[in-house]
Amino acid sequence: MNVVEQWQLAVEELSRKDSKIKEIISQYSGEKMALRGKPFETLCRSIVGQQISVKAADSVWTKVEKLCNGNINKKEIINLSNDEMRSAGLSKQKTAYLQNIAKSDVLTTNWEELSDVEAIEKLCTIKGVGVWTAEMFLIFNLARQNVLPLADIGLIRGIEKHYYDSKRIDRKELEIFRAKWSPWCTVATWYIWRSLDPIPVEY
C-alpha cells in the first residue's frame, strides 16, 4: 500500500470511528500531509519549530533558507556563524541544536529496522532533539502512521477545542485519543492541526 492509499484508508477508518474527526476531515477534502523526503531538513525544521507558532517557525525557516542559499544541508549549517543564525531569529540554544544535528551521523540510521520507540530513542541521542522533535521526524519524514505527540500544544488545544468545549484537560484524558484513533494517530493529529491554522503544518 502506497502513502496515498494509506492516507485514504486512514481517513475512511477514522471517519467511521470518530464523528468529530469526520466533520473536520470533510472541511479539508482532498488535502493531506506533505512529505519532503529530506531528513536533514525535516529534523532541522522541527528544531526551528520548537515551542513557537507555525507562522513564526515558517518565518524563521525562510530566513535560514536564505542564509543557506536555498540549500539547507550539513555543510551550509556548519558554515553559518552564530551571529548569522541569530539574525534569522534562532535562539542560542536552537543554533547549537542545529549545529549538533549537522555534526551527527544519526540520520544515516536504517530507520526501517527500528520501531517508533527505538527511532525516537535514537534521535534523542542528538543533544537538543527531544521526544517532540523526534515525533515530528517520525511523522513528516518516516511517515509513521500511529504517532500521537501528546506534548504538542497545537494537538492539545485542538483536542480541547473540538472535544471539550475548550476546557483544559490532563494527560490522562489525552491518552484516551491514542486508543480512539489507533492505528491512524498521525493522520488524526494532522487534521487537528489543520483545523487550527490556515497554514498546513510541514516539517
Protein backbone atom coordinates (compact mmCIF):
# COMPACT_ATOMS: atom_id res chain seq x y z
CA MET A 1 0.00 0.00 0.00
CA ASN A 2 1.48 3.36 -1.01
CA VAL A 3 1.27 6.55 1.06
CA VAL A 4 -1.76 7.91 -0.81
CA GLU A 5 -3.72 4.67 -0.39
CA GLN A 6 -2.72 4.52 3.27
CA TRP A 7 -3.94 8.06 3.86
CA GLN A 8 -7.27 7.33 2.21
CA LEU A 9 -7.74 4.20 4.32
CA ALA A 10 -6.92 6.19 7.44
CA VAL A 11 -9.48 8.86 6.51
CA GLU A 12 -12.17 6.23 5.96
CA GLU A 13 -11.49 4.35 9.18
CA LEU A 14 -11.17 7.48 11.33
CA SER A 15 -14.40 8.85 9.88
CA ARG A 16 -16.21 5.66 10.85
CA LYS A 17 -14.84 5.67 14.38
CA ASP A 18 -14.99 9.35 15.27
CA SER A 19 -17.76 11.71 14.13
CA LYS A 20 -15.82 14.80 15.22
CA ILE A 21 -12.77 13.87 13.13
CA LYS A 22 -15.11 13.03 10.26
CA GLU A 23 -16.50 16.56 10.45
CA ILE A 24 -13.01 18.11 10.46
CA ILE A 25 -11.82 15.92 7.57
CA SER A 26 -14.82 16.99 5.49
CA GLN A 27 -13.69 20.62 5.78
CA TYR A 28 -10.35 19.82 4.15
CA SER A 29 -11.39 17.42 1.42
CA GLY A 30 -8.53 16.44 -0.83
CA GLU A 31 -5.84 17.79 1.49
CA LYS A 32 -3.19 15.60 3.05
CA MET A 33 0.14 15.85 4.76
CA ALA A 34 3.15 16.81 2.65
CA LEU A 35 6.32 14.70 2.87
CA ARG A 36 9.56 16.39 1.88
CA GLY A 37 11.82 13.34 1.60
CA LYS A 38 14.65 15.42 3.08
CA PRO A 39 15.51 14.01 6.52
CA PHE A 40 18.12 16.61 7.45
CA GLU A 41 15.78 19.47 6.58
CA THR A 42 12.89 17.86 8.44
CA LEU A 43 14.88 17.42 11.63
CA CYS A 44 16.30 20.95 11.44
CA ARG A 45 12.88 22.40 10.73
CA SER A 46 11.48 20.55 13.73
CA ILE A 47 14.11 22.21 15.91
CA VAL A 48 13.16 25.61 14.49
CA GLY A 49 9.50 24.88 15.23
CA GLN A 50 10.01 24.01 18.90
CA GLN A 51 7.66 25.99 21.16
CA ILE A 52 6.68 28.63 18.57
CA SER A 53 3.71 29.05 16.25
CA VAL A 54 3.58 27.61 12.73
CA LYS A 55 3.65 31.13 11.30
CA ALA A 56 6.68 32.17 13.36
CA ALA A 57 8.51 28.94 12.51
CA ASP A 58 7.90 29.47 8.79
CA SER A 59 9.30 33.00 9.05
CA VAL A 60 12.49 31.85 10.78
CA TRP A 61 12.89 28.92 8.41
CA THR A 62 12.63 31.19 5.36
CA LYS A 63 15.48 33.30 6.75
CA VAL A 64 17.61 30.23 7.43
CA GLU A 65 17.00 29.02 3.88
CA LYS A 66 18.15 32.39 2.54
CA LEU A 67 21.35 32.19 4.60
CA CYS A 68 21.96 28.72 3.15
CA ASN A 69 21.36 29.91 -0.42
CA GLY A 70 18.21 27.82 -0.64
CA ASN A 71 20.04 24.57 0.03
CA ILE A 72 19.95 23.53 3.68
CA ASN A 73 22.46 20.77 4.31
CA LYS A 74 25.09 19.84 6.87
CA LYS A 75 27.86 21.87 5.27
CA GLU A 76 25.77 25.02 4.96
CA ILE A 77 24.62 24.86 8.59
CA ILE A 78 28.12 24.20 9.93
CA ASN A 79 29.48 27.11 7.91
CA LEU A 80 26.97 29.61 9.30
CA SER A 81 28.24 31.77 12.13
CA ASN A 82 26.33 32.08 15.39
CA ASP A 83 25.59 35.72 14.56
CA GLU A 84 24.13 34.77 11.18
CA MET A 85 21.88 32.15 12.75
CA ARG A 86 20.79 34.53 15.47
CA SER A 87 19.96 37.10 12.79
CA ALA A 88 17.45 34.61 11.36
CA GLY A 89 15.62 34.59 14.67
CA LEU A 90 17.19 31.46 16.17
CA SER A 91 17.93 31.40 19.88
CA LYS A 92 21.37 30.48 21.18
CA GLN A 93 20.02 27.05 22.12
CA LYS A 94 18.42 26.35 18.75
CA THR A 95 21.58 27.49 16.98
CA ALA A 96 23.57 24.95 18.98
CA TYR A 97 20.99 22.23 18.33
CA LEU A 98 21.13 22.74 14.56
CA GLN A 99 24.90 22.52 14.69
CA ASN A 100 24.64 19.32 16.73
CA ILE A 101 22.42 17.77 14.07
CA ALA A 102 24.81 18.84 11.31
CA LYS A 103 27.71 17.16 13.09
CA SER A 104 25.80 13.95 13.87
CA ASP A 105 25.68 10.77 11.79
CA VAL A 106 22.40 9.59 13.32
CA LEU A 107 20.47 10.31 10.13
CA THR A 108 22.37 7.52 8.37
CA THR A 109 20.39 5.06 10.52
CA ASN A 110 18.34 2.40 8.74
CA TRP A 111 15.01 3.51 10.17
CA GLU A 112 13.04 0.64 8.68
CA GLU A 113 14.68 -1.68 11.18
CA LEU A 114 13.50 0.35 14.18
CA SER A 115 10.16 0.61 15.92
CA ASP A 116 8.72 4.04 16.68
CA VAL A 117 10.05 3.90 20.24
CA GLU A 118 13.50 2.80 19.08
CA ALA A 119 13.62 5.51 16.40
CA ILE A 120 12.71 8.18 18.95
CA GLU A 121 15.39 6.92 21.34
CA LYS A 122 17.98 7.01 18.55
CA LEU A 123 17.09 10.55 17.50
CA CYS A 124 17.16 11.74 21.11
CA THR A 125 20.87 10.84 21.35
CA ILE A 126 21.47 14.14 19.49
CA LYS A 127 21.66 16.92 22.08
CA GLY A 128 18.72 19.24 21.52
CA VAL A 129 16.46 16.61 19.96
CA GLY A 130 13.74 15.69 22.41
CA VAL A 131 10.74 13.42 22.11
CA TRP A 132 8.54 16.05 20.41
CA THR A 133 11.19 16.84 17.79
CA ALA A 134 11.74 13.14 17.18
CA GLU A 135 7.99 12.61 16.80
CA MET A 136 7.88 15.32 14.13
CA PHE A 137 10.62 13.44 12.27
CA LEU A 138 8.65 10.19 12.52
CA ILE A 139 5.56 11.93 11.19
CA PHE A 140 6.99 14.09 8.43
CA ASN A 141 9.96 12.07 7.23
CA LEU A 142 9.37 8.45 8.13
CA ALA A 143 5.59 8.68 7.56
CA ARG A 144 4.92 6.52 10.61
CA GLN A 145 1.16 6.14 10.79
CA ASN A 146 0.47 5.96 14.51
CA VAL A 147 2.34 8.84 16.17
CA LEU A 148 0.43 10.88 18.76
CA PRO A 149 2.60 13.77 20.03
CA LEU A 150 0.89 14.39 23.35
CA ALA A 151 3.30 17.19 24.31
CA ASP A 152 2.34 19.18 21.21
CA ILE A 153 0.50 22.31 22.29
CA GLY A 154 -1.41 22.54 18.99
CA LEU A 155 -2.73 19.00 19.33
CA ILE A 156 -3.67 19.58 22.97
CA ARG A 157 -5.52 22.82 22.24
CA GLY A 158 -7.22 21.26 19.22
CA ILE A 159 -8.49 18.31 21.23
CA GLU A 160 -9.70 20.67 23.95
CA LYS A 161 -11.44 22.85 21.38
CA HIS A 162 -13.20 20.11 19.45
CA TYR A 163 -13.95 17.60 22.20
CA TYR A 164 -14.12 19.55 25.48
CA ASP A 165 -15.51 23.00 24.55
CA SER A 166 -12.01 24.44 25.08
CA LYS A 167 -11.87 23.21 28.70
CA ARG A 168 -8.34 22.35 29.84
CA ILE A 169 -7.70 18.62 30.17
CA ASP A 170 -4.93 16.50 31.66
CA ARG A 171 -2.61 13.87 30.21
CA LYS A 172 -4.88 11.00 31.27
CA GLU A 173 -7.74 12.44 29.22
CA LEU A 174 -5.42 12.98 26.25
CA GLU A 175 -4.36 9.32 26.36
CA ILE A 176 -7.93 8.33 25.51
CA PHE A 177 -7.29 9.52 21.96
CA ARG A 178 -4.44 7.06 21.43
CA ALA A 179 -6.89 4.19 21.65
CA LYS A 180 -9.63 6.16 19.87
CA TRP A 181 -7.50 6.93 16.79
CA SER A 182 -5.08 3.99 16.56
CA PRO A 183 -3.64 2.83 14.23
CA TRP A 184 -4.01 6.22 12.49
CA CYS A 185 -2.98 8.72 15.17
CA THR A 186 -0.69 10.56 12.76
CA VAL A 187 -3.50 11.33 10.33
CA ALA A 188 -5.88 12.37 13.11
CA THR A 189 -3.20 14.65 14.55
CA TRP A 190 -2.63 16.30 11.17
CA TYR A 191 -6.31 17.10 10.77
CA ILE A 192 -6.49 18.53 14.30
CA TRP A 193 -3.53 20.78 13.44
CA ARG A 194 -5.11 21.72 10.13
CA SER A 195 -8.32 22.79 11.85
CA LEU A 196 -6.42 25.35 13.94
CA ASP A 197 -4.14 27.06 11.47
CA PRO A 198 -4.57 28.49 7.96
CA ILE A 199 -1.07 27.25 7.18
CA PRO A 200 -0.76 23.45 6.90
CA VAL A 201 1.89 22.14 9.27
CA GLU A 202 5.04 20.96 7.49
CA TYR A 203 8.44 19.89 8.80
